[in-house]
Amino acid sequence: MTDHPPAVFLDRDGTLIEDPGHLADPAGVVLLPGVIDALHELTRLGYLRIIVTNQSGIGQGFFTEADFEAVQAELQRQLSAHGITIDAVYHCPHRREDDCDCRKPGTAMHRQAAQRFGIDLARSWCIGDRPGDLLPARALGAQAVLVRTGDGARHVEETGTLGFPVAADLRAAVALLTSAR
């Protein structure tokens, strides 16, 4: 067995919490059904839980880094109330047209986490509600699952064409991950 832990790279908006679009107000943080159970199961299975999220609203001026941090703090507060911690949070503040390496489907956030934690990417997963959340898995040698929550239902056909499995929500995605072990 390797000393390098696997990770699940989790999209935030539409995967862990409701996605109203450019969330800047901590009062808008609403956990999606099944998230608590899924994160407990990932912890039990020994996966690091790492959020990787595009937050182009910062680069577009819809909200600030401080707003992002306040929303993230509220998410962590809600998770902590259930005994859950997130191991790390990485976010890309850039606009799509900025053509940076950190914006998903780029892999800079994932690689930064892998270096920091010594992650075994071959045993890791990317879970999100858009194809861009899943595509990093290919470059990283990881696996991926689309969730139908958030924007996921709109991307099922495209995701199937790309060869990624689809799950109803994060709890179902973790069950799929467990069965693939």
C-alpha atoms as a PDB file:
ATOM      1  CA  MET A   1       0.000   0.000   0.000  1.00  0.00           C
ATOM      2  CA  THR A   2       1.248   3.469  -0.851  1.00  0.00           C
ATOM      3  CA  ASP A   3       1.881   6.228   1.691  1.00  0.00           C
ATOM      4  CA  HIS A   4       0.333   8.689  -0.741  1.00  0.00           C
ATOM      5  CA  PRO A   5      -3.345   9.362  -0.035  1.00  0.00           C
ATOM      6  CA  PRO A   6      -5.995   9.546  -2.738  1.00  0.00           C
ATOM      7  CA  ALA A   7      -8.164  12.647  -3.010  1.00  0.00           C
ATOM      8  CA  VAL A   8     -11.551  13.588  -4.293  1.00  0.00           C
ATOM      9  CA  PHE A   9     -11.401  16.933  -6.068  1.00  0.00           C
ATOM     10  CA  LEU A  10     -14.842  18.431  -5.525  1.00  0.00           C
ATOM     11  CA  ASP A  11     -16.437  21.234  -7.440  1.00  0.00           C
ATOM     12  CA  ARG A  12     -18.273  23.545  -5.030  1.00  0.00           C
ATOM     13  CA  ASP A  13     -21.226  25.316  -6.655  1.00  0.00           C
ATOM     14  CA  GLY A  14     -23.771  22.826  -7.973  1.00  0.00           C
ATOM     15  CA  THR A  15     -21.953  19.854  -6.424  1.00  0.00           C
ATOM     16  CA  LEU A  16     -21.715  20.621  -2.704  1.00  0.00           C
ATOM     17  CA  ILE A  17     -24.037  23.619  -2.506  1.00  0.00           C
ATOM     18  CA  GLU A  18     -26.841  25.146  -4.523  1.00  0.00           C
ATOM     19  CA  ASP A  19     -25.596  27.336  -7.373  1.00  0.00           C
ATOM     20  CA  PRO A  20     -27.539  30.588  -7.685  1.00  0.00           C
ATOM     21  CA  GLY A  21     -24.756  32.018  -9.895  1.00  0.00           C
ATOM     22  CA  HIS A  22     -21.891  34.194  -8.622  1.00  0.00           C
ATOM     23  CA  LEU A  23     -22.576  33.452  -4.955  1.00  0.00           C
ATOM     24  CA  ALA A  24     -21.295  36.400  -2.898  1.00  0.00           C
ATOM     25  CA  ASP A  25     -23.537  36.258   0.177  1.00  0.00           C
ATOM     26  CA  PRO A  26     -22.842  33.651   2.876  1.00  0.00           C
ATOM     27  CA  ALA A  27     -26.589  33.539   3.582  1.00  0.00           C
ATOM     28  CA  GLY A  28     -26.967  31.853   0.181  1.00  0.00           C
ATOM     29  CA  VAL A  29     -24.936  28.779   1.169  1.00  0.00           C
ATOM     30  CA  VAL A  30     -27.340  25.827   1.029  1.00  0.00           C
ATOM     31  CA  LEU A  31     -25.933  22.303   1.169  1.00  0.00           C
ATOM     32  CA  LEU A  32     -27.315  19.936  -1.444  1.00  0.00           C
ATOM     33  CA  PRO A  33     -29.071  16.742  -0.299  1.00  0.00           C
ATOM     34  CA  GLY A  34     -26.721  13.863   0.466  1.00  0.00           C
ATOM     35  CA  VAL A  35     -23.581  16.002   0.793  1.00  0.00           C
ATOM     36  CA  ILE A  36     -23.084  15.351   4.513  1.00  0.00           C
ATOM     37  CA  ASP A  37     -23.387  11.566   4.125  1.00  0.00           C
ATOM     38  CA  ALA A  38     -21.107  11.597   1.085  1.00  0.00           C
ATOM     39  CA  LEU A  39     -18.371  13.605   2.791  1.00  0.00           C
ATOM     40  CA  HIS A  40     -18.519  11.365   5.875  1.00  0.00           C
ATOM     41  CA  GLU A  41     -18.113   8.335   3.606  1.00  0.00           C
ATOM     42  CA  LEU A  42     -15.130   9.906   1.802  1.00  0.00           C
ATOM     43  CA  THR A  43     -13.526  10.538   5.182  1.00  0.00           C
ATOM     44  CA  ARG A  44     -14.171   6.939   6.256  1.00  0.00           C
ATOM     45  CA  LEU A  45     -12.616   5.678   3.017  1.00  0.00           C
ATOM     46  CA  GLY A  46      -9.461   7.749   3.558  1.00  0.00           C
ATOM     47  CA  TYR A  47      -9.880  10.253   0.730  1.00  0.00           C
ATOM     48  CA  LEU A  48      -8.677  13.804   1.114  1.00  0.00           C
ATOM     49  CA  ARG A  49     -11.542  16.190   0.407  1.00  0.00           C
ATOM     50  CA  ILE A  50     -10.325  19.074  -1.741  1.00  0.00           C
ATOM     51  CA  ILE A  51     -12.499  21.776  -3.261  1.00  0.00           C
ATOM     52  CA  VAL A  52     -11.376  23.073  -6.667  1.00  0.00           C
ATOM     53  CA  THR A  53     -13.662  25.803  -7.926  1.00  0.00           C
ATOM     54  CA  ASN A  54     -13.767  28.327 -10.738  1.00  0.00           C
ATOM     55  CA  GLN A  55     -14.879  31.685  -9.347  1.00  0.00           C
ATOM     56  CA  SER A  56     -14.824  33.946 -12.398  1.00  0.00           C
ATOM     57  CA  GLY A  57     -17.227  36.306 -10.629  1.00  0.00           C
ATOM     58  CA  ILE A  58     -14.153  37.704  -8.877  1.00  0.00           C
ATOM     59  CA  GLY A  59     -12.398  38.513 -12.149  1.00  0.00           C
ATOM     60  CA  GLN A  60     -15.620  39.894 -13.590  1.00  0.00           C
ATOM     61  CA  GLY A  61     -16.141  42.188 -10.595  1.00  0.00           C
ATOM     62  CA  PHE A  62     -19.373  40.559  -9.366  1.00  0.00           C
ATOM     63  CA  PHE A  63     -17.810  39.885  -5.965  1.00  0.00           C
ATOM     64  CA  THR A  64     -14.465  40.140  -4.163  1.00  0.00           C
ATOM     65  CA  GLU A  65     -11.940  37.689  -2.740  1.00  0.00           C
ATOM     66  CA  ALA A  66     -13.286  38.680   0.694  1.00  0.00           C
ATOM     67  CA  ASP A  67     -16.816  37.736  -0.424  1.00  0.00           C
ATOM     68  CA  PHE A  68     -15.511  34.378  -1.659  1.00  0.00           C
ATOM     69  CA  GLU A  69     -13.746  33.768   1.667  1.00  0.00           C
ATOM     70  CA  ALA A  70     -16.923  34.662   3.603  1.00  0.00           C
ATOM     71  CA  VAL A  71     -18.973  32.185   1.552  1.00  0.00           C
ATOM     72  CA  GLN A  72     -16.287  29.543   2.020  1.00  0.00           C
ATOM     73  CA  ALA A  73     -16.209  30.186   5.788  1.00  0.00           C
ATOM     74  CA  GLU A  74     -19.982  29.694   5.947  1.00  0.00           C
ATOM     75  CA  LEU A  75     -19.702  26.439   4.006  1.00  0.00           C
ATOM     76  CA  GLN A  76     -17.017  25.217   6.394  1.00  0.00           C
ATOM     77  CA  ARG A  77     -19.132  26.309   9.388  1.00  0.00           C
ATOM     78  CA  GLN A  78     -22.069  24.237   8.121  1.00  0.00           C
ATOM     79  CA  LEU A  79     -19.856  21.231   7.428  1.00  0.00           C
ATOM     80  CA  SER A  80     -18.090  21.527  10.805  1.00  0.00           C
ATOM     81  CA  ALA A  81     -21.475  21.345  12.525  1.00  0.00           C
ATOM     82  CA  HIS A  82     -21.608  17.784  11.143  1.00  0.00           C
ATOM     83  CA  GLY A  83     -18.000  16.924  12.047  1.00  0.00           C
ATOM     84  CA  ILE A  84     -16.694  17.376   8.498  1.00  0.00           C
ATOM     85  CA  THR A  85     -13.563  19.179   7.431  1.00  0.00           C
ATOM     86  CA  ILE A  86     -12.382  20.035   3.956  1.00  0.00           C
ATOM     87  CA  ASP A  87      -8.653  19.429   3.610  1.00  0.00           C
ATOM     88  CA  ALA A  88      -8.028  22.319   1.221  1.00  0.00           C
ATOM     89  CA  VAL A  89      -9.794  24.811  -1.007  1.00  0.00           C
ATOM     90  CA  TYR A  90      -8.353  26.068  -4.286  1.00  0.00           C
ATOM     91  CA  HIS A  91     -10.106  28.626  -6.430  1.00  0.00           C
ATOM     92  CA  CYS A  92      -9.476  30.299  -9.757  1.00  0.00           C
ATOM     93  CA  PRO A  93     -10.602  33.954  -9.772  1.00  0.00           C
ATOM     94  CA  HIS A  94      -9.930  34.443 -13.478  1.00  0.00           C
ATOM     95  CA  ARG A  95     -12.351  34.988 -16.321  1.00  0.00           C
ATOM     96  CA  ARG A  96     -12.606  32.359 -19.058  1.00  0.00           C
ATOM     97  CA  GLU A  97     -10.906  34.699 -21.547  1.00  0.00           C
ATOM     98  CA  ASP A  98      -7.896  35.173 -19.233  1.00  0.00           C
ATOM     99  CA  ASP A  99      -6.614  31.777 -20.467  1.00  0.00           C
ATOM    100  CA  CYS A 100      -4.930  30.796 -17.197  1.00  0.00           C
ATOM    101  CA  ASP A 101      -3.721  27.332 -16.157  1.00  0.00           C
ATOM    102  CA  CYS A 102      -5.711  27.274 -12.934  1.00  0.00           C
ATOM    103  CA  ARG A 103      -9.196  27.604 -14.414  1.00  0.00           C
ATOM    104  CA  LYS A 104     -10.778  24.181 -14.889  1.00  0.00           C
ATOM    105  CA  PRO A 105     -10.462  22.242 -17.111  1.00  0.00           C
ATOM    106  CA  GLY A 106      -6.853  23.293 -16.443  1.00  0.00           C
ATOM    107  CA  THR A 107      -5.082  21.259 -13.797  1.00  0.00           C
ATOM    108  CA  ALA A 108      -2.972  23.799 -11.879  1.00  0.00           C
ATOM    109  CA  MET A 109      -5.205  23.717  -8.770  1.00  0.00           C
ATOM    110  CA  HIS A 110      -5.210  19.917  -8.738  1.00  0.00           C
ATOM    111  CA  ARG A 111      -1.439  19.707  -9.241  1.00  0.00           C
ATOM    112  CA  GLN A 112      -0.817  22.251  -6.496  1.00  0.00           C
ATOM    113  CA  ALA A 113      -2.877  20.112  -4.106  1.00  0.00           C
ATOM    114  CA  ALA A 114      -1.143  16.934  -5.281  1.00  0.00           C
ATOM    115  CA  GLN A 115       2.255  18.440  -4.555  1.00  0.00           C
ATOM    116  CA  ARG A 116       1.195  19.842  -1.174  1.00  0.00           C
ATOM    117  CA  PHE A 117      -0.374  16.602   0.087  1.00  0.00           C
ATOM    118  CA  GLY A 118       1.585  13.972  -1.882  1.00  0.00           C
ATOM    119  CA  ILE A 119      -1.651  12.769  -3.476  1.00  0.00           C
ATOM    120  CA  ASP A 120      -1.820   9.508  -5.391  1.00  0.00           C
ATOM    121  CA  LEU A 121      -3.551  10.858  -8.500  1.00  0.00           C
ATOM    122  CA  ALA A 122      -4.113   7.390  -9.988  1.00  0.00           C
ATOM    123  CA  ARG A 123      -6.440   6.592  -7.057  1.00  0.00           C
ATOM    124  CA  SER A 124      -8.103  10.006  -7.059  1.00  0.00           C
ATOM    125  CA  TRP A 125     -11.390  11.314  -8.458  1.00  0.00           C
ATOM    126  CA  CYS A 126     -12.847  14.536  -9.815  1.00  0.00           C
ATOM    127  CA  ILE A 127     -16.545  15.110  -9.105  1.00  0.00           C
ATOM    128  CA  GLY A 128     -18.592  17.992 -10.449  1.00  0.00           C
ATOM    129  CA  ASP A 129     -21.644  19.152 -12.355  1.00  0.00           C
ATOM    130  CA  ARG A 130     -19.938  20.254 -15.588  1.00  0.00           C
ATOM    131  CA  PRO A 131     -17.617  18.566 -18.065  1.00  0.00           C
ATOM    132  CA  GLY A 132     -14.918  21.109 -17.189  1.00  0.00           C
ATOM    133  CA  ASP A 133     -14.903  19.706 -13.650  1.00  0.00           C
ATOM    134  CA  LEU A 134     -14.238  16.213 -14.998  1.00  0.00           C
ATOM    135  CA  LEU A 135     -11.752  16.790 -17.810  1.00  0.00           C
ATOM    136  CA  PRO A 136      -8.803  17.394 -15.451  1.00  0.00           C
ATOM    137  CA  ALA A 137      -9.094  13.721 -14.466  1.00  0.00           C
ATOM    138  CA  ARG A 138      -7.862  12.696 -17.909  1.00  0.00           C
ATOM    139  CA  ALA A 139      -4.734  14.832 -17.679  1.00  0.00           C
ATOM    140  CA  LEU A 140      -4.094  13.729 -14.098  1.00  0.00           C
ATOM    141  CA  GLY A 141      -4.625   9.998 -14.639  1.00  0.00           C
ATOM    142  CA  ALA A 142      -7.576  10.090 -12.218  1.00  0.00           C
ATOM    143  CA  GLN A 143     -11.223   9.086 -12.601  1.00  0.00           C
ATOM    144  CA  ALA A 144     -14.307  11.314 -12.674  1.00  0.00           C
ATOM    145  CA  VAL A 145     -18.068  11.361 -12.153  1.00  0.00           C
ATOM    146  CA  LEU A 146     -20.661  13.929 -13.207  1.00  0.00           C
ATOM    147  CA  VAL A 147     -23.419  14.694 -10.708  1.00  0.00           C
ATOM    148  CA  ARG A 148     -26.868  15.651 -12.012  1.00  0.00           C
ATOM    149  CA  THR A 149     -27.199  18.386  -9.380  1.00  0.00           C
ATOM    150  CA  GLY A 150     -26.489  22.015 -10.290  1.00  0.00           C
ATOM    151  CA  ASP A 151     -25.912  22.172 -14.046  1.00  0.00           C
ATOM    152  CA  GLY A 152     -25.250  18.430 -14.273  1.00  0.00           C
ATOM    153  CA  ALA A 153     -28.603  17.417 -15.759  1.00  0.00           C
ATOM    154  CA  ARG A 154     -27.919  19.706 -18.743  1.00  0.00           C
ATOM    155  CA  HIS A 155     -24.580  17.995 -19.396  1.00  0.00           C
ATOM    156  CA  VAL A 156     -25.524  14.303 -19.144  1.00  0.00           C
ATOM    157  CA  GLU A 157     -25.467  13.633 -22.893  1.00  0.00           C
ATOM    158  CA  GLU A 158     -22.173  15.471 -23.427  1.00  0.00           C
ATOM    159  CA  THR A 159     -20.638  13.710 -20.434  1.00  0.00           C
ATOM    160  CA  GLY A 160     -21.709  10.307 -21.721  1.00  0.00           C
ATOM    161  CA  THR A 161     -20.068  11.115 -25.035  1.00  0.00           C
ATOM    162  CA  LEU A 162     -16.886  11.939 -23.138  1.00  0.00           C
ATOM    163  CA  GLY A 163     -17.062   8.557 -21.411  1.00  0.00           C
ATOM    164  CA  PHE A 164     -17.587   9.709 -17.828  1.00  0.00           C
ATOM    165  CA  PRO A 165     -20.174   8.052 -15.583  1.00  0.00           C
ATOM    166  CA  VAL A 166     -23.130  10.038 -14.253  1.00  0.00           C
ATOM    167  CA  ALA A 167     -24.605   9.937 -10.736  1.00  0.00           C
ATOM    168  CA  ALA A 168     -27.747  11.516  -9.309  1.00  0.00           C
ATOM    169  CA  ASP A 169     -25.878  13.466  -6.637  1.00  0.00           C
ATOM    170  CA  LEU A 170     -22.707  13.442  -4.558  1.00  0.00           C
ATOM    171  CA  ARG A 171     -23.913  10.561  -2.379  1.00  0.00           C
ATOM    172  CA  ALA A 172     -24.516   8.425  -5.502  1.00  0.00           C
ATOM    173  CA  ALA A 173     -21.151   9.498  -6.949  1.00  0.00           C
ATOM    174  CA  VAL A 174     -19.393   8.328  -3.791  1.00  0.00           C
ATOM    175  CA  ALA A 175     -21.264   5.004  -3.981  1.00  0.00           C
ATOM    176  CA  LEU A 176     -20.015   4.629  -7.562  1.00  0.00           C
ATOM    177  CA  LEU A 177     -16.478   5.494  -6.453  1.00  0.00           C
ATOM    178  CA  THR A 178     -16.740   2.904  -3.676  1.00  0.00           C
ATOM    179  CA  SER A 179     -17.889   0.182  -6.064  1.00  0.00           C
ATOM    180  CA  ALA A 180     -14.958   0.943  -8.383  1.00  0.00           C
ATOM    181  CA  ARG A 181     -12.324   0.467  -5.663  1.00  0.00           C
END
